Amino acid sequence: RVEVERAFSLAKRRFGLTQIRTYLKETTQSVIALSILALNLGKLQAIQCTPILFYLQVLLWKVKRALKWLPCQKVAFVQ
């Protein structure tokens, strides 16, 4: 359990999961998925030290940043 909590804490701090400003469910899921993918690429980079993983991580970070600033529509979710 401690490892899982540590991973979530790292994702919140390093990859901005506390600053998600999207309203649509699909967009929010995409931002979270990109953050987790960037986290996993960072782990692979630390293990293997390959430059291609670094460039993929930077590319995903830029895409995630661009998604944050897209104009969002407010949608009311019906329960």
PDB file of N, CA and C in Angstrom:
ATOM      1  N   ARG A   1       0.824  -1.194   0.000  1.00  0.00           N
ATOM      2  CA  ARG A   1       0.000   0.000   0.000  1.00  0.00           C
ATOM      3  C   ARG A   1       0.870   1.261   0.000  1.00  0.00           C
ATOM      4  N   VAL A   2       1.968   1.231   0.708  1.00  0.00           N
ATOM      5  CA  VAL A   2       2.838   2.401   0.785  1.00  0.00           C
ATOM      6  C   VAL A   2       3.403   2.741  -0.591  1.00  0.00           C
ATOM      7  N   GLU A   3       3.770   1.712  -1.361  1.00  0.00           N
ATOM      8  CA  GLU A   3       4.300   1.945  -2.708  1.00  0.00           C
ATOM      9  C   GLU A   3       3.265   2.610  -3.608  1.00  0.00           C
ATOM     10  N   VAL A   4       2.014   2.182  -3.494  1.00  0.00           N
ATOM     11  CA  VAL A   4       0.951   2.762  -4.322  1.00  0.00           C
ATOM     12  C   VAL A   4       0.726   4.218  -3.941  1.00  0.00           C
ATOM     13  N   GLU A   5       0.666   4.499  -2.646  1.00  0.00           N
ATOM     14  CA  GLU A   5       0.469   5.875  -2.181  1.00  0.00           C
ATOM     15  C   GLU A   5       1.638   6.764  -2.600  1.00  0.00           C
ATOM     16  N   ARG A   6       2.849   6.215  -2.564  1.00  0.00           N
ATOM     17  CA  ARG A   6       4.019   6.983  -2.980  1.00  0.00           C
ATOM     18  C   ARG A   6       3.940   7.313  -4.468  1.00  0.00           C
ATOM     19  N   ALA A   7       3.473   6.362  -5.262  1.00  0.00           N
ATOM     20  CA  ALA A   7       3.349   6.595  -6.707  1.00  0.00           C
ATOM     21  C   ALA A   7       2.311   7.678  -6.993  1.00  0.00           C
ATOM     22  N   PHE A   8       1.182   7.647  -6.286  1.00  0.00           N
ATOM     23  CA  PHE A   8       0.167   8.686  -6.474  1.00  0.00           C
ATOM     24  C   PHE A   8       0.688  10.049  -6.035  1.00  0.00           C
ATOM     25  N   SER A   9       1.406  10.082  -4.930  1.00  0.00           N
ATOM     26  CA  SER A   9       1.968  11.341  -4.440  1.00  0.00           C
ATOM     27  C   SER A   9       2.963  11.916  -5.448  1.00  0.00           C
ATOM     28  N   LEU A  10       3.801  11.060  -5.999  1.00  0.00           N
ATOM     29  CA  LEU A  10       4.769  11.503  -7.009  1.00  0.00           C
ATOM     30  C   LEU A  10       4.061  12.035  -8.251  1.00  0.00           C
ATOM     31  N   ALA A  11       3.022  11.337  -8.686  1.00  0.00           N
ATOM     32  CA  ALA A  11       2.273  11.779  -9.865  1.00  0.00           C
ATOM     33  C   ALA A  11       1.609  13.123  -9.615  1.00  0.00           C
ATOM     34  N   LYS A  12       1.109  13.330  -8.418  1.00  0.00           N
ATOM     35  CA  LYS A  12       0.470  14.610  -8.095  1.00  0.00           C
ATOM     36  C   LYS A  12       1.490  15.747  -8.103  1.00  0.00           C
ATOM     37  N   ARG A  13       2.652  15.497  -7.510  1.00  0.00           N
ATOM     38  CA  ARG A  13       3.652  16.559  -7.407  1.00  0.00           C
ATOM     39  C   ARG A  13       4.364  16.825  -8.725  1.00  0.00           C
ATOM     40  N   ARG A  14       4.865  15.775  -9.368  1.00  0.00           N
ATOM     41  CA  ARG A  14       5.717  15.955 -10.546  1.00  0.00           C
ATOM     42  C   ARG A  14       4.970  16.182 -11.838  1.00  0.00           C
ATOM     43  N   PHE A  15       3.802  15.598 -11.948  1.00  0.00           N
ATOM     44  CA  PHE A  15       3.110  15.629 -13.228  1.00  0.00           C
ATOM     45  C   PHE A  15       1.801  16.402 -13.180  1.00  0.00           C
ATOM     46  N   GLY A  16       1.582  17.167 -12.131  1.00  0.00           N
ATOM     47  CA  GLY A  16       0.478  18.120 -12.098  1.00  0.00           C
ATOM     48  C   GLY A  16      -0.916  17.532 -12.036  1.00  0.00           C
ATOM     49  N   LEU A  17      -1.086  16.385 -11.401  1.00  0.00           N
ATOM     50  CA  LEU A  17      -2.431  15.821 -11.315  1.00  0.00           C
ATOM     51  C   LEU A  17      -3.349  16.633 -10.408  1.00  0.00           C
ATOM     52  N   THR A  18      -2.793  17.501  -9.596  1.00  0.00           N
ATOM     53  CA  THR A  18      -3.648  18.344  -8.750  1.00  0.00           C
ATOM     54  C   THR A  18      -4.134  19.571  -9.503  1.00  0.00           C
ATOM     55  N   GLN A  19      -3.619  19.798 -10.705  1.00  0.00           N
ATOM     56  CA  GLN A  19      -3.961  21.010 -11.454  1.00  0.00           C
ATOM     57  C   GLN A  19      -4.744  20.712 -12.726  1.00  0.00           C
ATOM     58  N   ILE A  20      -5.492  19.634 -12.748  1.00  0.00           N
ATOM     59  CA  ILE A  20      -6.293  19.297 -13.926  1.00  0.00           C
ATOM     60  C   ILE A  20      -7.459  20.263 -14.006  1.00  0.00           C
ATOM     61  N   ARG A  21      -7.594  20.941 -15.136  1.00  0.00           N
ATOM     62  CA  ARG A  21      -8.638  21.944 -15.310  1.00  0.00           C
ATOM     63  C   ARG A  21      -9.585  21.585 -16.457  1.00  0.00           C
ATOM     64  N   THR A  22      -9.813  20.335 -16.649  1.00  0.00           N
ATOM     65  CA  THR A  22     -10.706  19.919 -17.724  1.00  0.00           C
ATOM     66  C   THR A  22     -12.064  19.562 -17.141  1.00  0.00           C
ATOM     67  N   TYR A  23     -13.089  19.712 -17.956  1.00  0.00           N
ATOM     68  CA  TYR A  23     -14.447  19.477 -17.477  1.00  0.00           C
ATOM     69  C   TYR A  23     -15.056  18.200 -18.048  1.00  0.00           C
ATOM     70  N   LEU A  24     -14.697  17.873 -19.263  1.00  0.00           N
ATOM     71  CA  LEU A  24     -15.253  16.671 -19.872  1.00  0.00           C
ATOM     72  C   LEU A  24     -14.581  15.429 -19.305  1.00  0.00           C
ATOM     73  N   LYS A  25     -15.365  14.396 -19.107  1.00  0.00           N
ATOM     74  CA  LYS A  25     -14.853  13.163 -18.523  1.00  0.00           C
ATOM     75  C   LYS A  25     -13.742  12.558 -19.387  1.00  0.00           C
ATOM     76  N   GLU A  26     -13.945  12.546 -20.705  1.00  0.00           N
ATOM     77  CA  GLU A  26     -12.960  11.946 -21.608  1.00  0.00           C
ATOM     78  C   GLU A  26     -11.641  12.719 -21.595  1.00  0.00           C
ATOM     79  N   THR A  27     -11.730  14.038 -21.548  1.00  0.00           N
ATOM     80  CA  THR A  27     -10.519  14.858 -21.529  1.00  0.00           C
ATOM     81  C   THR A  27      -9.755  14.663 -20.227  1.00  0.00           C
ATOM     82  N   THR A  28     -10.477  14.595 -19.123  1.00  0.00           N
ATOM     83  CA  THR A  28      -9.843  14.366 -17.825  1.00  0.00           C
ATOM     84  C   THR A  28      -9.139  13.014 -17.808  1.00  0.00           C
ATOM     85  N   GLN A  29      -9.800  11.998 -18.337  1.00  0.00           N
ATOM     86  CA  GLN A  29      -9.184  10.672 -18.389  1.00  0.00           C
ATOM     87  C   GLN A  29      -7.933  10.684 -19.265  1.00  0.00           C
ATOM     88  N   SER A  30      -7.961  11.442 -20.343  1.00  0.00           N
ATOM     89  CA  SER A  30      -6.790  11.533 -21.225  1.00  0.00           C
ATOM     90  C   SER A  30      -5.617  12.201 -20.522  1.00  0.00           C
ATOM     91  N   VAL A  31      -5.891  13.273 -19.780  1.00  0.00           N
ATOM     92  CA  VAL A  31      -4.822  13.975 -19.059  1.00  0.00           C
ATOM     93  C   VAL A  31      -4.213  13.064 -18.002  1.00  0.00           C
ATOM     94  N   ILE A  32      -5.050  12.328 -17.281  1.00  0.00           N
ATOM     95  CA  ILE A  32      -4.548  11.408 -16.255  1.00  0.00           C
ATOM     96  C   ILE A  32      -3.730  10.291 -16.904  1.00  0.00           C
ATOM     97  N   ALA A  33      -4.217   9.750 -18.014  1.00  0.00           N
ATOM     98  CA  ALA A  33      -3.488   8.676 -18.700  1.00  0.00           C
ATOM     99  C   ALA A  33      -2.132   9.161 -19.204  1.00  0.00           C
ATOM    100  N   LEU A  34      -2.083  10.379 -19.748  1.00  0.00           N
ATOM    101  CA  LEU A  34      -0.803  10.922 -20.216  1.00  0.00           C
ATOM    102  C   LEU A  34       0.158  11.143 -19.054  1.00  0.00           C
ATOM    103  N   SER A  35      -0.366  11.566 -17.905  1.00  0.00           N
ATOM    104  CA  SER A  35       0.492  11.765 -16.736  1.00  0.00           C
ATOM    105  C   SER A  35       1.089  10.444 -16.271  1.00  0.00           C
ATOM    106  N   ILE A  36       0.271   9.411 -16.228  1.00  0.00           N
ATOM    107  CA  ILE A  36       0.765   8.105 -15.791  1.00  0.00           C
ATOM    108  C   ILE A  36       1.751   7.535 -16.812  1.00  0.00           C
ATOM    109  N   LEU A  37       1.482   7.748 -18.094  1.00  0.00           N
ATOM    110  CA  LEU A  37       2.417   7.303 -19.126  1.00  0.00           C
ATOM    111  C   LEU A  37       3.756   8.029 -18.994  1.00  0.00           C
ATOM    112  N   ALA A  38       3.714   9.325 -18.726  1.00  0.00           N
ATOM    113  CA  ALA A  38       4.954  10.085 -18.531  1.00  0.00           C
ATOM    114  C   ALA A  38       5.699   9.591 -17.296  1.00  0.00           C
ATOM    115  N   LEU A  39       4.967   9.247 -16.238  1.00  0.00           N
ATOM    116  CA  LEU A  39       5.588   8.705 -15.029  1.00  0.00           C
ATOM    117  C   LEU A  39       6.294   7.386 -15.341  1.00  0.00           C
ATOM    118  N   ASN A  40       5.622   6.512 -16.090  1.00  0.00           N
ATOM    119  CA  ASN A  40       6.224   5.223 -16.444  1.00  0.00           C
ATOM    120  C   ASN A  40       7.425   5.392 -17.367  1.00  0.00           C
ATOM    121  N   LEU A  41       7.348   6.336 -18.298  1.00  0.00           N
ATOM    122  CA  LEU A  41       8.501   6.592 -19.166  1.00  0.00           C
ATOM    123  C   LEU A  41       9.686   7.114 -18.357  1.00  0.00           C
ATOM    124  N   GLY A  42       9.408   7.915 -17.338  1.00  0.00           N
ATOM    125  CA  GLY A  42      10.476   8.395 -16.466  1.00  0.00           C
ATOM    126  C   GLY A  42      11.162   7.254 -15.738  1.00  0.00           C
ATOM    127  N   LYS A  43      10.359   6.281 -15.296  1.00  0.00           N
ATOM    128  CA  LYS A  43      10.940   5.112 -14.628  1.00  0.00           C
ATOM    129  C   LYS A  43      11.797   4.297 -15.595  1.00  0.00           C
ATOM    130  N   LEU A  44      11.292   4.098 -16.821  1.00  0.00           N
ATOM    131  CA  LEU A  44      12.074   3.360 -17.816  1.00  0.00           C
ATOM    132  C   LEU A  44      13.363   4.087 -18.170  1.00  0.00           C
ATOM    133  N   GLN A  45      13.280   5.398 -18.238  1.00  0.00           N
ATOM    134  CA  GLN A  45      14.469   6.184 -18.559  1.00  0.00           C
ATOM    135  C   GLN A  45      15.515   6.038 -17.463  1.00  0.00           C
ATOM    136  N   ALA A  46      15.071   6.034 -16.224  1.00  0.00           N
ATOM    137  CA  ALA A  46      16.013   5.889 -15.117  1.00  0.00           C
ATOM    138  C   ALA A  46      16.671   4.513 -15.132  1.00  0.00           C
ATOM    139  N   ILE A  47      15.918   3.506 -15.545  1.00  0.00           N
ATOM    140  CA  ILE A  47      16.459   2.144 -15.570  1.00  0.00           C
ATOM    141  C   ILE A  47      17.392   1.944 -16.768  1.00  0.00           C
ATOM    142  N   GLN A  48      16.947   2.365 -17.942  1.00  0.00           N
ATOM    143  CA  GLN A  48      17.695   2.047 -19.154  1.00  0.00           C
ATOM    144  C   GLN A  48      18.556   3.193 -19.674  1.00  0.00           C
ATOM    145  N   CYS A  49      18.250   4.403 -19.272  1.00  0.00           N
ATOM    146  CA  CYS A  49      19.010   5.580 -19.689  1.00  0.00           C
ATOM    147  C   CYS A  49      19.088   5.721 -21.209  1.00  0.00           C
ATOM    148  N   THR A  50      17.995   5.505 -21.894  1.00  0.00           N
ATOM    149  CA  THR A  50      18.004   5.652 -23.348  1.00  0.00           C
ATOM    150  C   THR A  50      17.462   7.021 -23.727  1.00  0.00           C
ATOM    151  N   PRO A  51      18.097   7.697 -24.657  1.00  0.00           N
ATOM    152  CA  PRO A  51      17.671   9.040 -25.049  1.00  0.00           C
ATOM    153  C   PRO A  51      16.285   9.081 -25.674  1.00  0.00           C
ATOM    154  N   ILE A  52      15.877   8.027 -26.387  1.00  0.00           N
ATOM    155  CA  ILE A  52      14.570   8.062 -27.047  1.00  0.00           C
ATOM    156  C   ILE A  52      13.444   8.177 -26.024  1.00  0.00           C
ATOM    157  N   LEU A  53      13.600   7.540 -24.876  1.00  0.00           N
ATOM    158  CA  LEU A  53      12.571   7.637 -23.842  1.00  0.00           C
ATOM    159  C   LEU A  53      12.489   9.051 -23.293  1.00  0.00           C
ATOM    160  N   PHE A  54      13.622   9.722 -23.207  1.00  0.00           N
ATOM    161  CA  PHE A  54      13.607  11.111 -22.747  1.00  0.00           C
ATOM    162  C   PHE A  54      12.809  11.984 -23.710  1.00  0.00           C
ATOM    163  N   TYR A  55      13.039  11.806 -25.008  1.00  0.00           N
ATOM    164  CA  TYR A  55      12.321  12.613 -25.996  1.00  0.00           C
ATOM    165  C   TYR A  55      10.831  12.298 -26.009  1.00  0.00           C
ATOM    166  N   LEU A  56      10.467  11.028 -25.836  1.00  0.00           N
ATOM    167  CA  LEU A  56       9.053  10.670 -25.744  1.00  0.00           C
ATOM    168  C   LEU A  56       8.405  11.295 -24.516  1.00  0.00           C
ATOM    169  N   GLN A  57       9.124  11.310 -23.410  1.00  0.00           N
ATOM    170  CA  GLN A  57       8.596  11.903 -22.185  1.00  0.00           C
ATOM    171  C   GLN A  57       8.383  13.405 -22.366  1.00  0.00           C
ATOM    172  N   VAL A  58       9.318  14.080 -22.982  1.00  0.00           N
ATOM    173  CA  VAL A  58       9.174  15.518 -23.232  1.00  0.00           C
ATOM    174  C   VAL A  58       8.002  15.777 -24.163  1.00  0.00           C
ATOM    175  N   LEU A  59       7.866  14.956 -25.196  1.00  0.00           N
ATOM    176  CA  LEU A  59       6.752  15.111 -26.130  1.00  0.00           C
ATOM    177  C   LEU A  59       5.414  14.931 -25.419  1.00  0.00           C
ATOM    178  N   LEU A  60       5.301  13.910 -24.590  1.00  0.00           N
ATOM    179  CA  LEU A  60       4.053  13.690 -23.857  1.00  0.00           C
ATOM    180  C   LEU A  60       3.782  14.815 -22.874  1.00  0.00           C
ATOM    181  N   TRP A  61       4.827  15.346 -22.264  1.00  0.00           N
ATOM    182  CA  TRP A  61       4.645  16.462 -21.339  1.00  0.00           C
ATOM    183  C   TRP A  61       4.099  17.681 -22.078  1.00  0.00           C
ATOM    184  N   LYS A  62       4.616  17.930 -23.283  1.00  0.00           N
ATOM    185  CA  LYS A  62       4.140  19.070 -24.070  1.00  0.00           C
ATOM    186  C   LYS A  62       2.694  18.872 -24.510  1.00  0.00           C
ATOM    187  N   VAL A  63       2.340  17.656 -24.892  1.00  0.00           N
ATOM    188  CA  VAL A  63       0.956  17.378 -25.286  1.00  0.00           C
ATOM    189  C   VAL A  63       0.028  17.575 -24.096  1.00  0.00           C
ATOM    190  N   LYS A  64       0.438  17.083 -22.942  1.00  0.00           N
ATOM    191  CA  LYS A  64      -0.387  17.233 -21.738  1.00  0.00           C
ATOM    192  C   LYS A  64      -0.560  18.705 -21.387  1.00  0.00           C
ATOM    193  N   ARG A  65       0.512  19.471 -21.519  1.00  0.00           N
ATOM    194  CA  ARG A  65       0.426  20.912 -21.243  1.00  0.00           C
ATOM    195  C   ARG A  65      -0.504  21.608 -22.221  1.00  0.00           C
ATOM    196  N   ALA A  66      -0.450  21.207 -23.476  1.00  0.00           N
ATOM    197  CA  ALA A  66      -1.331  21.801 -24.482  1.00  0.00           C
ATOM    198  C   ALA A  66      -2.788  21.448 -24.205  1.00  0.00           C
ATOM    199  N   LEU A  67      -3.036  20.234 -23.720  1.00  0.00           N
ATOM    200  CA  LEU A  67      -4.409  19.834 -23.403  1.00  0.00           C
ATOM    201  C   LEU A  67      -4.982  20.640 -22.245  1.00  0.00           C
ATOM    202  N   LYS A  68      -4.130  21.047 -21.315  1.00  0.00           N
ATOM    203  CA  LYS A  68      -4.610  21.819 -20.162  1.00  0.00           C
ATOM    204  C   LYS A  68      -5.198  23.150 -20.597  1.00  0.00           C
ATOM    205  N   TRP A  69      -4.668  23.725 -21.655  1.00  0.00           N
ATOM    206  CA  TRP A  69      -5.066  25.077 -22.038  1.00  0.00           C
ATOM    207  C   TRP A  69      -6.084  25.110 -23.173  1.00  0.00           C
ATOM    208  N   LEU A  70      -6.623  23.960 -23.549  1.00  0.00           N
ATOM    209  CA  LEU A  70      -7.689  23.958 -24.546  1.00  0.00           C
ATOM    210  C   LEU A  70      -8.954  24.556 -23.937  1.00  0.00           C
ATOM    211  N   PRO A  71      -9.741  25.287 -24.714  1.00  0.00           N
ATOM    212  CA  PRO A  71     -10.999  25.798 -24.173  1.00  0.00           C
ATOM    213  C   PRO A  71     -11.912  24.629 -23.827  1.00  0.00           C
ATOM    214  N   CYS A  72     -12.442  24.660 -22.634  1.00  0.00           N
ATOM    215  CA  CYS A  72     -13.274  23.564 -22.147  1.00  0.00           C
ATOM    216  C   CYS A  72     -14.725  24.010 -22.053  1.00  0.00           C
ATOM    217  N   GLN A  73     -15.608  23.079 -22.296  1.00  0.00           N
ATOM    218  CA  GLN A  73     -17.026  23.338 -22.111  1.00  0.00           C
ATOM    219  C   GLN A  73     -17.434  22.741 -20.776  1.00  0.00           C
ATOM    220  N   LYS A  74     -18.250  23.482 -20.040  1.00  0.00           N
ATOM    221  CA  LYS A  74     -18.742  22.939 -18.783  1.00  0.00           C
ATOM    222  C   LYS A  74     -19.909  22.014 -19.095  1.00  0.00           C
ATOM    223  N   VAL A  75     -19.828  20.817 -18.561  1.00  0.00           N
ATOM    224  CA  VAL A  75     -20.864  19.825 -18.802  1.00  0.00           C
ATOM    225  C   VAL A  75     -21.375  19.352 -17.457  1.00  0.00           C
ATOM    226  N   ALA A  76     -22.693  19.323 -17.310  1.00  0.00           N
ATOM    227  CA  ALA A  76     -23.289  18.812 -16.078  1.00  0.00           C
ATOM    228  C   ALA A  76     -23.474  17.309 -16.237  1.00  0.00           C
ATOM    229  N   PHE A  77     -22.921  16.543 -15.318  1.00  0.00           N
ATOM    230  CA  PHE A  77     -23.070  15.101 -15.362  1.00  0.00           C
ATOM    231  C   PHE A  77     -24.374  14.710 -14.684  1.00  0.00           C
ATOM    232  N   VAL A  78     -25.146  13.907 -15.359  1.00  0.00           N
ATOM    233  CA  VAL A  78     -26.423  13.447 -14.818  1.00  0.00           C
ATOM    234  C   VAL A  78     -26.178  12.136 -14.105  1.00  0.00           C
ATOM    235  N   GLN A  79     -26.681  12.047 -12.892  1.00  0.00           N
ATOM    236  CA  GLN A  79     -26.487  10.813 -12.125  1.00  0.00           C
ATOM    237  C   GLN A  79     -27.763  10.029 -12.045  1.00  0.00           C
TER     238      GLN A  79
END
